Amino acid sequence: MFSLDSKFMCGMNRLTDLMILNLVYLVTCVPIFTIGAANAALYCVCFRMGTEQEGHVLKDYFRAFCSNFRQGSLLWILFLLVGGVTCLDIVLLPGTGGAIHCLFYLFVFLLVLGILMSGYVFPLLSQFQNSCMATLKNALILSMAYLPRTILIAALNVLPWAVLLVSPYLFWRVVPLWLTIYFSGSASISVRLLRKVFAPYMNPEEEA
């Protein structure tokens, strides 16, 4: 069981890699505006895990973080601004009347659409060279084309924040989970769901 090639030891090594990845991801998210680049780097490392491209977690992470910093930051700031305005409108519009109140449903739709798209934007950024607009367009198309997978990925992405809104007490009770493995673990699960989605658009070497 304790042989270096045993399934147990391989599983422990993978768990350790995910814990290291989770920690470095949270640290690089602290400046807030770097969250986009951190997301792209997180997915880049997770896509390489278990493939011939897998290397050192920290080296791969910071290499991807730097290479995706500009586009990742721009896309994240865009999502942050649009999401902030949309959430503000959702909070304020129920207190209005008349035709303006109908805009409430439009903003709810836009918020849900943004959450669904965000599950593809940063994985796409980590795997393909495209402009920001092309990445957003592809994220919209893929999120609608693979809706069941999209919903699962979105659920993983919003779970911590949903728990915080519904039960702050429970959120703080499970802080060790968020800090140790949740974000890298959920990204790893999302990657498993996304591999078949991205496979037709990747080179055979990249897919392997």
N, C-alpha and C. Protein backbone atom coordinates (compact mmCIF):
# COMPACT_ATOMS: atom_id res chain seq x y z
N MET A 1 0.82 -1.21 0.00
CA MET A 1 0.00 0.00 0.00
C MET A 1 0.86 1.26 0.00
N PHE A 2 2.02 1.20 0.65
CA PHE A 2 2.87 2.37 0.78
C PHE A 2 3.96 2.43 -0.29
N SER A 3 3.85 1.56 -1.30
CA SER A 3 4.77 1.64 -2.43
C SER A 3 4.52 2.95 -3.18
N LEU A 4 5.58 3.54 -3.71
CA LEU A 4 5.44 4.83 -4.40
C LEU A 4 4.53 4.74 -5.62
N ASP A 5 4.38 3.54 -6.18
CA ASP A 5 3.55 3.35 -7.36
C ASP A 5 2.14 2.85 -7.03
N SER A 6 1.83 2.68 -5.74
CA SER A 6 0.52 2.17 -5.36
C SER A 6 -0.56 3.23 -5.57
N LYS A 7 -1.79 2.77 -5.72
CA LYS A 7 -2.91 3.70 -5.92
C LYS A 7 -3.07 4.62 -4.72
N PHE A 8 -2.81 4.08 -3.52
CA PHE A 8 -2.94 4.89 -2.31
C PHE A 8 -1.96 6.06 -2.32
N MET A 9 -0.69 5.79 -2.64
CA MET A 9 0.32 6.84 -2.64
C MET A 9 0.09 7.83 -3.77
N CYS A 10 -0.34 7.31 -4.93
CA CYS A 10 -0.66 8.23 -6.05
C CYS A 10 -1.81 9.15 -5.68
N GLY A 11 -2.81 8.57 -4.99
CA GLY A 11 -3.94 9.39 -4.54
C GLY A 11 -3.52 10.44 -3.53
N MET A 12 -2.63 10.07 -2.61
CA MET A 12 -2.14 11.03 -1.62
C MET A 12 -1.32 12.13 -2.28
N ASN A 13 -0.51 11.77 -3.27
CA ASN A 13 0.26 12.78 -4.00
C ASN A 13 -0.65 13.75 -4.73
N ARG A 14 -1.72 13.21 -5.34
CA ARG A 14 -2.67 14.08 -6.04
C ARG A 14 -3.38 15.00 -5.06
N LEU A 15 -3.77 14.47 -3.90
CA LEU A 15 -4.42 15.28 -2.88
C LEU A 15 -3.49 16.40 -2.40
N THR A 16 -2.23 16.08 -2.23
CA THR A 16 -1.25 17.10 -1.81
C THR A 16 -1.11 18.19 -2.87
N ASP A 17 -1.05 17.78 -4.14
CA ASP A 17 -0.96 18.76 -5.23
C ASP A 17 -2.17 19.68 -5.24
N LEU A 18 -3.35 19.13 -5.02
CA LEU A 18 -4.57 19.94 -5.01
C LEU A 18 -4.59 20.90 -3.83
N MET A 19 -4.08 20.47 -2.69
CA MET A 19 -4.04 21.35 -1.53
C MET A 19 -3.06 22.50 -1.75
N ILE A 20 -1.90 22.20 -2.34
CA ILE A 20 -0.94 23.26 -2.66
C ILE A 20 -1.53 24.22 -3.68
N LEU A 21 -2.18 23.66 -4.69
CA LEU A 21 -2.81 24.47 -5.74
C LEU A 21 -3.89 25.36 -5.15
N ASN A 22 -4.68 24.84 -4.24
CA ASN A 22 -5.75 25.62 -3.61
C ASN A 22 -5.18 26.79 -2.83
N LEU A 23 -4.10 26.53 -2.10
CA LEU A 23 -3.48 27.59 -1.29
C LEU A 23 -2.92 28.70 -2.14
N VAL A 24 -2.15 28.34 -3.18
CA VAL A 24 -1.53 29.36 -4.02
C VAL A 24 -2.60 30.12 -4.80
N TYR A 25 -3.69 29.45 -5.17
CA TYR A 25 -4.80 30.12 -5.84
C TYR A 25 -5.42 31.18 -4.95
N LEU A 26 -5.69 30.85 -3.70
CA LEU A 26 -6.30 31.81 -2.77
C LEU A 26 -5.37 32.99 -2.52
N VAL A 27 -4.07 32.73 -2.40
CA VAL A 27 -3.11 33.81 -2.16
C VAL A 27 -3.09 34.78 -3.34
N THR A 28 -3.09 34.26 -4.56
CA THR A 28 -3.04 35.13 -5.74
C THR A 28 -4.38 35.79 -6.04
N CYS A 29 -5.44 35.37 -5.35
CA CYS A 29 -6.75 36.03 -5.51
C CYS A 29 -6.90 37.24 -4.58
N VAL A 30 -6.00 37.38 -3.61
CA VAL A 30 -6.15 38.42 -2.59
C VAL A 30 -6.25 39.83 -3.17
N PRO A 31 -5.45 40.20 -4.20
CA PRO A 31 -5.60 41.57 -4.73
C PRO A 31 -6.93 41.83 -5.44
N ILE A 32 -7.80 40.84 -5.54
CA ILE A 32 -9.13 40.93 -6.17
C ILE A 32 -9.05 41.06 -7.69
N PHE A 33 -8.33 42.06 -8.21
CA PHE A 33 -8.30 42.25 -9.66
C PHE A 33 -7.50 41.15 -10.36
N THR A 34 -6.78 40.33 -9.59
CA THR A 34 -6.00 39.24 -10.18
C THR A 34 -6.78 37.92 -10.23
N ILE A 35 -8.04 37.94 -9.79
CA ILE A 35 -8.82 36.70 -9.73
C ILE A 35 -8.96 36.05 -11.11
N GLY A 36 -9.11 36.85 -12.15
CA GLY A 36 -9.24 36.29 -13.49
C GLY A 36 -8.01 35.51 -13.91
N ALA A 37 -6.83 36.09 -13.70
CA ALA A 37 -5.59 35.40 -14.04
C ALA A 37 -5.41 34.16 -13.17
N ALA A 38 -5.82 34.26 -11.89
CA ALA A 38 -5.72 33.12 -10.98
C ALA A 38 -6.64 31.98 -11.44
N ASN A 39 -7.83 32.31 -11.89
CA ASN A 39 -8.76 31.30 -12.40
C ASN A 39 -8.18 30.58 -13.62
N ALA A 40 -7.63 31.36 -14.56
CA ALA A 40 -7.04 30.77 -15.76
C ALA A 40 -5.87 29.85 -15.40
N ALA A 41 -5.03 30.29 -14.46
CA ALA A 41 -3.89 29.47 -14.04
C ALA A 41 -4.35 28.20 -13.34
N LEU A 42 -5.39 28.32 -12.52
CA LEU A 42 -5.94 27.16 -11.81
C LEU A 42 -6.42 26.11 -12.80
N TYR A 43 -7.17 26.52 -13.82
CA TYR A 43 -7.68 25.58 -14.80
C TYR A 43 -6.56 25.01 -15.68
N CYS A 44 -5.56 25.83 -15.97
CA CYS A 44 -4.44 25.36 -16.77
C CYS A 44 -3.74 24.19 -16.08
N VAL A 45 -3.47 24.32 -14.79
CA VAL A 45 -2.81 23.25 -14.04
C VAL A 45 -3.71 22.03 -13.95
N CYS A 46 -5.00 22.23 -13.71
CA CYS A 46 -5.92 21.10 -13.59
C CYS A 46 -6.05 20.34 -14.91
N PHE A 47 -6.03 21.05 -16.04
CA PHE A 47 -6.09 20.38 -17.33
C PHE A 47 -4.85 19.52 -17.58
N ARG A 48 -3.71 19.93 -17.03
CA ARG A 48 -2.47 19.18 -17.25
C ARG A 48 -2.34 17.99 -16.32
N MET A 49 -3.06 17.99 -15.22
CA MET A 49 -2.95 16.88 -14.28
C MET A 49 -3.38 15.56 -14.92
N GLY A 50 -2.56 14.55 -14.73
CA GLY A 50 -2.87 13.23 -15.28
C GLY A 50 -2.54 13.08 -16.74
N THR A 51 -1.88 14.07 -17.36
CA THR A 51 -1.49 14.00 -18.77
C THR A 51 0.04 14.05 -18.88
N GLU A 52 0.54 13.89 -20.08
CA GLU A 52 1.98 13.95 -20.31
C GLU A 52 2.53 15.36 -20.10
N GLN A 53 1.65 16.36 -20.09
CA GLN A 53 2.08 17.74 -19.90
C GLN A 53 2.20 18.13 -18.43
N GLU A 54 1.82 17.23 -17.53
CA GLU A 54 1.85 17.56 -16.11
C GLU A 54 3.29 17.81 -15.65
N GLY A 55 3.46 18.89 -14.91
CA GLY A 55 4.77 19.23 -14.37
C GLY A 55 4.67 19.60 -12.91
N HIS A 56 5.51 20.53 -12.49
CA HIS A 56 5.49 21.00 -11.11
C HIS A 56 4.33 21.97 -10.91
N VAL A 57 3.54 21.75 -9.88
CA VAL A 57 2.32 22.54 -9.67
C VAL A 57 2.62 24.03 -9.61
N LEU A 58 3.57 24.44 -8.78
CA LEU A 58 3.83 25.86 -8.59
C LEU A 58 4.41 26.51 -9.85
N LYS A 59 5.35 25.83 -10.50
CA LYS A 59 5.94 26.39 -11.71
C LYS A 59 4.89 26.55 -12.81
N ASP A 60 4.08 25.51 -13.01
CA ASP A 60 3.04 25.57 -14.03
C ASP A 60 2.02 26.66 -13.71
N TYR A 61 1.68 26.78 -12.43
CA TYR A 61 0.68 27.76 -12.03
C TYR A 61 1.16 29.19 -12.32
N PHE A 62 2.35 29.52 -11.85
CA PHE A 62 2.81 30.91 -12.00
C PHE A 62 3.15 31.23 -13.46
N ARG A 63 3.55 30.23 -14.23
CA ARG A 63 3.78 30.46 -15.66
C ARG A 63 2.46 30.80 -16.34
N ALA A 64 1.41 30.04 -16.03
CA ALA A 64 0.09 30.30 -16.61
C ALA A 64 -0.50 31.61 -16.07
N PHE A 65 -0.24 31.91 -14.81
CA PHE A 65 -0.74 33.15 -14.21
C PHE A 65 -0.18 34.36 -14.95
N CYS A 66 1.11 34.34 -15.22
CA CYS A 66 1.75 35.47 -15.90
C CYS A 66 1.29 35.57 -17.36
N SER A 67 1.20 34.44 -18.05
CA SER A 67 0.83 34.48 -19.47
C SER A 67 -0.62 34.89 -19.70
N ASN A 68 -1.48 34.65 -18.71
CA ASN A 68 -2.90 35.00 -18.84
C ASN A 68 -3.30 36.23 -18.03
N PHE A 69 -2.31 36.93 -17.51
CA PHE A 69 -2.61 38.02 -16.58
C PHE A 69 -3.44 39.13 -17.24
N ARG A 70 -3.04 39.57 -18.42
CA ARG A 70 -3.73 40.69 -19.05
C ARG A 70 -5.16 40.35 -19.42
N GLN A 71 -5.34 39.29 -20.21
CA GLN A 71 -6.69 38.92 -20.63
C GLN A 71 -7.54 38.46 -19.46
N GLY A 72 -6.94 37.69 -18.56
CA GLY A 72 -7.69 37.22 -17.40
C GLY A 72 -8.20 38.37 -16.55
N SER A 73 -7.36 39.39 -16.35
CA SER A 73 -7.76 40.55 -15.55
C SER A 73 -8.85 41.34 -16.23
N LEU A 74 -8.71 41.54 -17.55
CA LEU A 74 -9.73 42.28 -18.30
C LEU A 74 -11.09 41.57 -18.24
N LEU A 75 -11.08 40.27 -18.47
CA LEU A 75 -12.33 39.51 -18.44
C LEU A 75 -12.95 39.50 -17.05
N TRP A 76 -12.11 39.37 -16.02
CA TRP A 76 -12.62 39.35 -14.65
C TRP A 76 -13.23 40.70 -14.28
N ILE A 77 -12.55 41.80 -14.63
CA ILE A 77 -13.07 43.14 -14.32
C ILE A 77 -14.40 43.36 -15.04
N LEU A 78 -14.49 42.87 -16.28
CA LEU A 78 -15.75 42.99 -17.03
C LEU A 78 -16.86 42.24 -16.31
N PHE A 79 -16.61 41.00 -15.90
CA PHE A 79 -17.61 40.22 -15.18
C PHE A 79 -17.96 40.89 -13.85
N LEU A 80 -16.96 41.44 -13.19
CA LEU A 80 -17.19 42.08 -11.89
C LEU A 80 -18.07 43.31 -12.03
N LEU A 81 -17.80 44.14 -13.03
CA LEU A 81 -18.59 45.36 -13.24
C LEU A 81 -20.02 45.03 -13.65
N VAL A 82 -20.16 44.16 -14.65
CA VAL A 82 -21.50 43.80 -15.12
C VAL A 82 -22.28 43.08 -14.03
N GLY A 83 -21.62 42.17 -13.33
CA GLY A 83 -22.29 41.45 -12.25
C GLY A 83 -22.70 42.36 -11.12
N GLY A 84 -21.83 43.33 -10.78
CA GLY A 84 -22.16 44.27 -9.71
C GLY A 84 -23.37 45.14 -10.05
N VAL A 85 -23.38 45.66 -11.27
CA VAL A 85 -24.51 46.50 -11.71
C VAL A 85 -25.78 45.67 -11.75
N THR A 86 -25.68 44.44 -12.26
CA THR A 86 -26.85 43.57 -12.37
C THR A 86 -27.42 43.24 -10.99
N CYS A 87 -26.54 42.88 -10.05
CA CYS A 87 -27.00 42.56 -8.69
C CYS A 87 -27.64 43.77 -8.02
N LEU A 88 -27.05 44.95 -8.24
CA LEU A 88 -27.61 46.17 -7.66
C LEU A 88 -29.01 46.44 -8.21
N ASP A 89 -29.18 46.26 -9.51
CA ASP A 89 -30.50 46.45 -10.12
C ASP A 89 -31.51 45.43 -9.61
N ILE A 90 -31.07 44.20 -9.41
CA ILE A 90 -31.97 43.16 -8.89
C ILE A 90 -32.45 43.51 -7.49
N VAL A 91 -31.58 44.11 -6.70
CA VAL A 91 -31.95 44.49 -5.33
C VAL A 91 -32.90 45.68 -5.33
N LEU A 92 -32.66 46.65 -6.23
CA LEU A 92 -33.42 47.90 -6.20
C LEU A 92 -34.74 47.83 -6.96
N LEU A 93 -34.80 47.08 -8.05
CA LEU A 93 -35.98 47.11 -8.92
C LEU A 93 -37.25 46.57 -8.27
N PRO A 94 -37.22 45.55 -7.38
CA PRO A 94 -38.48 45.10 -6.78
C PRO A 94 -39.25 46.20 -6.05
N GLY A 95 -38.57 47.27 -5.65
CA GLY A 95 -39.25 48.36 -4.96
C GLY A 95 -39.90 49.35 -5.90
N THR A 96 -39.73 49.17 -7.19
CA THR A 96 -40.33 50.08 -8.16
C THR A 96 -41.62 49.49 -8.70
N GLY A 97 -42.33 50.28 -9.45
CA GLY A 97 -43.59 49.81 -10.03
C GLY A 97 -43.63 50.04 -11.52
N GLY A 98 -44.72 49.62 -12.12
CA GLY A 98 -44.92 49.85 -13.55
C GLY A 98 -44.03 48.99 -14.41
N ALA A 99 -43.76 49.53 -15.61
CA ALA A 99 -42.98 48.79 -16.60
C ALA A 99 -41.54 48.58 -16.16
N ILE A 100 -41.02 49.50 -15.34
CA ILE A 100 -39.63 49.38 -14.90
C ILE A 100 -39.42 48.09 -14.11
N HIS A 101 -40.46 47.66 -13.39
CA HIS A 101 -40.34 46.44 -12.58
C HIS A 101 -40.06 45.22 -13.46
N CYS A 102 -40.50 45.26 -14.72
CA CYS A 102 -40.27 44.13 -15.64
C CYS A 102 -38.79 43.94 -15.93
N LEU A 103 -38.01 45.03 -15.78
CA LEU A 103 -36.57 44.91 -16.00
C LEU A 103 -35.92 43.97 -14.99
N PHE A 104 -36.58 43.78 -13.84
CA PHE A 104 -36.06 42.88 -12.82
C PHE A 104 -35.79 41.49 -13.40
N TYR A 105 -36.71 40.97 -14.20
CA TYR A 105 -36.56 39.64 -14.79
C TYR A 105 -35.45 39.61 -15.83
N LEU A 106 -35.28 40.73 -16.53
CA LEU A 106 -34.19 40.82 -17.51
C LEU A 106 -32.84 40.73 -16.81
N PHE A 107 -32.69 41.46 -15.70
CA PHE A 107 -31.43 41.46 -14.98
C PHE A 107 -31.16 40.11 -14.31
N VAL A 108 -32.21 39.44 -13.85
CA VAL A 108 -32.05 38.09 -13.29
C VAL A 108 -31.53 37.15 -14.38
N PHE A 109 -32.12 37.27 -15.57
CA PHE A 109 -31.68 36.44 -16.70
C PHE A 109 -30.21 36.71 -17.03
N LEU A 110 -29.82 37.98 -17.06
CA LEU A 110 -28.45 38.35 -17.38
C LEU A 110 -27.48 37.82 -16.32
N LEU A 111 -27.90 37.87 -15.05
CA LEU A 111 -27.05 37.37 -13.97
C LEU A 111 -26.83 35.86 -14.11
N VAL A 112 -27.90 35.13 -14.36
CA VAL A 112 -27.80 33.68 -14.53
C VAL A 112 -26.93 33.35 -15.75
N LEU A 113 -27.14 34.08 -16.84
CA LEU A 113 -26.35 33.86 -18.05
C LEU A 113 -24.86 34.11 -17.78
N GLY A 114 -24.57 35.17 -17.03
CA GLY A 114 -23.18 35.48 -16.70
C GLY A 114 -22.54 34.38 -15.85
N ILE A 115 -23.29 33.84 -14.90
CA ILE A 115 -22.78 32.75 -14.07
C ILE A 115 -22.49 31.52 -14.91
N LEU A 116 -23.39 31.20 -15.83
CA LEU A 116 -23.19 30.04 -16.70
C LEU A 116 -21.98 30.23 -17.61
N MET A 117 -21.83 31.42 -18.16
CA MET A 117 -20.70 31.70 -19.05
C MET A 117 -19.37 31.69 -18.31
N SER A 118 -19.37 32.15 -17.07
CA SER A 118 -18.11 32.23 -16.32
C SER A 118 -17.48 30.86 -16.11
N GLY A 119 -18.29 29.80 -16.16
CA GLY A 119 -17.75 28.46 -16.02
C GLY A 119 -16.95 28.01 -17.22
N TYR A 120 -17.04 28.76 -18.34
CA TYR A 120 -16.31 28.42 -19.56
C TYR A 120 -15.25 29.45 -19.92
N VAL A 121 -15.44 30.69 -19.52
CA VAL A 121 -14.53 31.75 -19.94
C VAL A 121 -13.09 31.47 -19.54
N PHE A 122 -12.86 31.18 -18.27
CA PHE A 122 -11.49 31.01 -17.81
C PHE A 122 -10.88 29.66 -18.21
N PRO A 123 -11.65 28.57 -18.26
CA PRO A 123 -11.10 27.35 -18.85
C PRO A 123 -10.71 27.54 -20.32
N LEU A 124 -11.55 28.26 -21.09
CA LEU A 124 -11.21 28.55 -22.48
C LEU A 124 -9.94 29.38 -22.57
N LEU A 125 -9.82 30.37 -21.70
CA LEU A 125 -8.64 31.22 -21.69
C LEU A 125 -7.39 30.41 -21.40
N SER A 126 -7.52 29.41 -20.55
CA SER A 126 -6.36 28.61 -20.16
C SER A 126 -5.90 27.65 -21.26
N GLN A 127 -6.79 27.35 -22.23
CA GLN A 127 -6.47 26.33 -23.22
C GLN A 127 -6.34 26.84 -24.65
N PHE A 128 -6.91 28.01 -24.94
CA PHE A 128 -6.93 28.48 -26.32
C PHE A 128 -6.47 29.94 -26.40
N GLN A 129 -5.78 30.26 -27.49
CA GLN A 129 -5.35 31.63 -27.75
C GLN A 129 -6.44 32.33 -28.54
N ASN A 130 -7.11 33.29 -27.92
CA ASN A 130 -8.19 34.02 -28.57
C ASN A 130 -8.27 35.42 -27.98
N SER A 131 -8.98 36.30 -28.68
CA SER A 131 -9.25 37.63 -28.13
C SER A 131 -10.29 37.50 -27.03
N CYS A 132 -10.45 38.55 -26.25
CA CYS A 132 -11.44 38.54 -25.17
C CYS A 132 -12.85 38.36 -25.72
N MET A 133 -13.15 39.06 -26.82
CA MET A 133 -14.49 38.96 -27.40
C MET A 133 -14.75 37.55 -27.93
N ALA A 134 -13.75 36.94 -28.57
CA ALA A 134 -13.92 35.59 -29.09
C ALA A 134 -14.10 34.59 -27.95
N THR A 135 -13.39 34.81 -26.86
CA THR A 135 -13.51 33.93 -25.70
C THR A 135 -14.91 34.03 -25.10
N LEU A 136 -15.44 35.24 -25.00
CA LEU A 136 -16.79 35.43 -24.48
C LEU A 136 -17.83 34.79 -25.40
N LYS A 137 -17.64 34.97 -26.71
CA LYS A 137 -18.57 34.39 -27.68
C LYS A 137 -18.57 32.86 -27.58
N ASN A 138 -17.38 32.28 -27.52
CA ASN A 138 -17.28 30.82 -27.43
C ASN A 138 -17.86 30.30 -26.12
N ALA A 139 -17.65 31.06 -25.03
CA ALA A 139 -18.20 30.67 -23.74
C ALA A 139 -19.73 30.66 -23.78
N LEU A 140 -20.32 31.64 -24.44
CA LEU A 140 -21.77 31.71 -24.56
C LEU A 140 -22.30 30.52 -25.36
N ILE A 141 -21.65 30.23 -26.50
CA ILE A 141 -22.11 29.13 -27.36
C ILE A 141 -21.99 27.79 -26.64
N LEU A 142 -20.84 27.54 -26.03
CA LEU A 142 -20.61 26.24 -25.38
C LEU A 142 -21.48 26.06 -24.14
N SER A 143 -21.69 27.14 -23.40
CA SER A 143 -22.50 27.03 -22.18
C SER A 143 -23.94 26.67 -22.51
N MET A 144 -24.44 27.13 -23.66
CA MET A 144 -25.79 26.79 -24.08
C MET A 144 -25.85 25.41 -24.74
N ALA A 145 -24.80 25.05 -25.46
CA ALA A 145 -24.78 23.78 -26.18
C ALA A 145 -24.66 22.58 -25.24
N TYR A 146 -23.99 22.79 -24.11
CA TYR A 146 -23.79 21.70 -23.14
C TYR A 146 -24.41 22.09 -21.80
N LEU A 147 -25.69 22.40 -21.83
CA LEU A 147 -26.36 22.98 -20.67
C LEU A 147 -26.30 22.11 -19.41
N PRO A 148 -26.53 20.78 -19.50
CA PRO A 148 -26.44 19.98 -18.25
C PRO A 148 -25.08 20.08 -17.59
N ARG A 149 -24.00 19.99 -18.36
CA ARG A 149 -22.66 20.14 -17.80
C ARG A 149 -22.46 21.55 -17.27
N THR A 150 -23.00 22.52 -18.00
CA THR A 150 -22.86 23.92 -17.59
C THR A 150 -23.49 24.16 -16.22
N ILE A 151 -24.66 23.58 -16.00
CA ILE A 151 -25.35 23.76 -14.71
C ILE A 151 -24.54 23.14 -13.58
N LEU A 152 -23.94 21.98 -13.81
CA LEU A 152 -23.11 21.33 -12.78
C LEU A 152 -21.89 22.18 -12.45
N ILE A 153 -21.24 22.71 -13.49
CA ILE A 153 -20.07 23.56 -13.27
C ILE A 153 -20.45 24.84 -12.53
N ALA A 154 -21.57 25.45 -12.93
CA ALA A 154 -22.03 26.66 -12.27
C ALA A 154 -22.35 26.40 -10.80
N ALA A 155 -22.96 25.24 -10.52
CA ALA A 155 -23.28 24.89 -9.13
C ALA A 155 -22.01 24.79 -8.29
N LEU A 156 -20.96 24.19 -8.85
CA LEU A 156 -19.68 24.10 -8.13
C LEU A 156 -19.09 25.49 -7.88
N ASN A 157 -19.22 26.37 -8.87
CA ASN A 157 -18.62 27.70 -8.76
C ASN A 157 -19.33 28.59 -7.74
N VAL A 158 -20.65 28.47 -7.64
CA VAL A 158 -21.40 29.38 -6.77
C VAL A 158 -21.67 28.80 -5.38
N LEU A 159 -21.34 27.53 -5.18
CA LEU A 159 -21.68 26.88 -3.90
C LEU A 159 -21.17 27.65 -2.68
N PRO A 160 -19.89 28.05 -2.61
CA PRO A 160 -19.43 28.77 -1.40
C PRO A 160 -20.22 30.05 -1.15
N TRP A 161 -20.51 30.79 -2.23
CA TRP A 161 -21.20 32.08 -2.06
C TRP A 161 -22.68 31.87 -1.75
N ALA A 162 -23.25 30.80 -2.28
CA ALA A 162 -24.64 30.47 -1.93
C ALA A 162 -24.74 30.08 -0.46
N VAL A 163 -23.77 29.32 0.02
CA VAL A 163 -23.75 28.94 1.44
C VAL A 163 -23.59 30.18 2.31
N LEU A 164 -22.72 31.11 1.87
CA LEU A 164 -22.52 32.34 2.64
C LEU A 164 -23.80 33.16 2.74
N LEU A 165 -24.57 33.23 1.66
CA LEU A 165 -25.81 34.00 1.67
C LEU A 165 -26.90 33.33 2.49
N VAL A 166 -27.01 32.01 2.37
CA VAL A 166 -28.08 31.27 3.04
C VAL A 166 -27.78 31.06 4.51
N SER A 167 -26.52 30.71 4.82
CA SER A 167 -26.17 30.40 6.20
C SER A 167 -24.72 30.81 6.48
N PRO A 168 -24.50 32.08 6.86
CA PRO A 168 -23.14 32.51 7.19
C PRO A 168 -22.49 31.64 8.27
N TYR A 169 -23.30 31.16 9.21
CA TYR A 169 -22.77 30.31 10.28
C TYR A 169 -22.15 29.04 9.70
N LEU A 170 -22.86 28.38 8.77
CA LEU A 170 -22.34 27.17 8.14
C LEU A 170 -21.11 27.48 7.30
N PHE A 171 -21.13 28.62 6.63
CA PHE A 171 -19.99 29.00 5.80
C PHE A 171 -18.71 29.07 6.63
N TRP A 172 -18.79 29.72 7.79
CA TRP A 172 -17.61 29.85 8.63
C TRP A 172 -17.24 28.55 9.32
N ARG A 173 -18.21 27.68 9.50
CA ARG A 173 -17.93 26.38 10.10
C ARG A 173 -17.07 25.51 9.17
N VAL A 174 -17.27 25.68 7.86
CA VAL A 174 -16.54 24.85 6.90
C VAL A 174 -15.43 25.64 6.20
N VAL A 175 -14.96 26.71 6.82
CA VAL A 175 -13.85 27.48 6.27
C VAL A 175 -12.63 26.61 5.96
N PRO A 176 -12.29 25.63 6.83
CA PRO A 176 -11.15 24.76 6.48
C PRO A 176 -11.30 24.07 5.13
N LEU A 177 -12.54 23.74 4.75
CA LEU A 177 -12.76 23.12 3.44
C LEU A 177 -12.43 24.08 2.32
N TRP A 178 -12.90 25.34 2.44
CA TRP A 178 -12.61 26.33 1.40
C TRP A 178 -11.10 26.57 1.30
N LEU A 179 -10.42 26.63 2.45
CA LEU A 179 -9.01 26.99 2.48
C LEU A 179 -8.09 25.87 2.03
N THR A 180 -8.49 24.63 2.19
CA THR A 180 -7.58 23.53 1.92
C THR A 180 -7.73 22.92 0.53
N ILE A 181 -8.97 22.71 0.06
CA ILE A 181 -9.08 21.95 -1.19
C ILE A 181 -10.29 22.29 -2.06
N TYR A 182 -11.24 23.07 -1.57
CA TYR A 182 -12.49 23.20 -2.35
C TYR A 182 -12.28 23.75 -3.75
N PHE A 183 -11.56 24.85 -3.89
CA PHE A 183 -11.48 25.53 -5.19
C PHE A 183 -10.68 24.72 -6.21
N SER A 184 -9.58 24.15 -5.78
CA SER A 184 -8.82 23.29 -6.70
C SER A 184 -9.59 22.00 -6.99
N GLY A 185 -10.27 21.48 -5.97
CA GLY A 185 -11.05 20.26 -6.18
C GLY A 185 -12.21 20.47 -7.12
N SER A 186 -12.93 21.58 -6.96
CA SER A 186 -14.06 21.86 -7.85
C SER A 186 -13.58 22.15 -9.27
N ALA A 187 -12.42 22.80 -9.40
CA ALA A 187 -11.85 23.04 -10.74
C ALA A 187 -11.46 21.72 -11.39
N SER A 188 -10.93 20.80 -10.60
CA SER A 188 -10.56 19.49 -11.13
C SER A 188 -11.79 18.73 -11.63
N ILE A 189 -12.89 18.82 -10.89
CA ILE A 189 -14.14 18.18 -11.32
C ILE A 189 -14.67 18.85 -12.59
N SER A 190 -14.61 20.17 -12.63
CA SER A 190 -15.07 20.91 -13.81
C SER A 190 -14.26 20.52 -15.05
N VAL A 191 -12.96 20.34 -14.86
CA VAL A 191 -12.11 19.95 -15.98
C VAL A 191 -12.53 18.59 -16.54
N ARG A 192 -12.91 17.68 -15.66
CA ARG A 192 -13.39 16.37 -16.13
C ARG A 192 -14.65 16.53 -16.99
N LEU A 193 -15.49 17.49 -16.63
CA LEU A 193 -16.70 17.74 -17.41
C LEU A 193 -16.40 18.47 -18.72
N LEU A 194 -15.30 19.23 -18.74
CA LEU A 194 -14.99 20.07 -19.90
C LEU A 194 -14.11 19.38 -20.93
N ARG A 195 -13.44 18.32 -20.55
CA ARG A 195 -12.51 17.67 -21.48
C ARG A 195 -13.20 17.25 -22.78
N LYS A 196 -14.38 16.61 -22.66
CA LYS A 196 -15.09 16.16 -23.85
C LYS A 196 -15.63 17.34 -24.66
N VAL A 197 -15.93 18.44 -23.96
CA VAL A 197 -16.43 19.64 -24.65
C VAL A 197 -15.31 20.26 -25.49
N PHE A 198 -14.10 20.32 -24.93
CA PHE A 198 -12.99 20.96 -25.62
C PHE A 198 -12.28 20.03 -26.60
N ALA A 199 -12.45 18.73 -26.44
CA ALA A 199 -11.68 17.75 -27.22
C ALA A 199 -11.75 17.98 -28.73
N PRO A 200 -12.93 18.27 -29.32
CA PRO A 200 -12.98 18.44 -30.79
C PRO A 200 -12.18 19.65 -31.28
N TYR A 201 -11.84 20.58 -30.40
CA TYR A 201 -11.18 21.82 -30.82
C TYR A 201 -9.69 21.84 -30.45
N MET A 202 -9.18 20.74 -29.90
CA MET A 202 -7.78 20.69 -29.47
C MET A 202 -6.99 19.78 -30.39
N ASN A 203 -5.69 20.06 -30.47
CA ASN A 203 -4.80 19.18 -31.25
C ASN A 203 -4.66 17.85 -30.53
N PRO A 204 -4.39 16.77 -31.27
CA PRO A 204 -4.25 15.47 -30.62
C PRO A 204 -3.22 15.47 -29.51
N GLU A 205 -2.10 16.22 -29.68
CA GLU A 205 -1.07 16.26 -28.65
C GLU A 205 -1.60 16.93 -27.39
N GLU A 206 -2.36 18.03 -27.57
CA GLU A 206 -2.90 18.75 -26.44
C GLU A 206 -3.95 17.91 -25.72
N GLU A 207 -4.78 17.20 -26.51
CA GLU A 207 -5.83 16.37 -25.92
C GLU A 207 -5.22 15.26 -25.10
N ALA A 208 -4.12 14.67 -25.59
CA ALA A 208 -3.46 13.60 -24.85
C ALA A 208 -2.89 14.10 -23.54
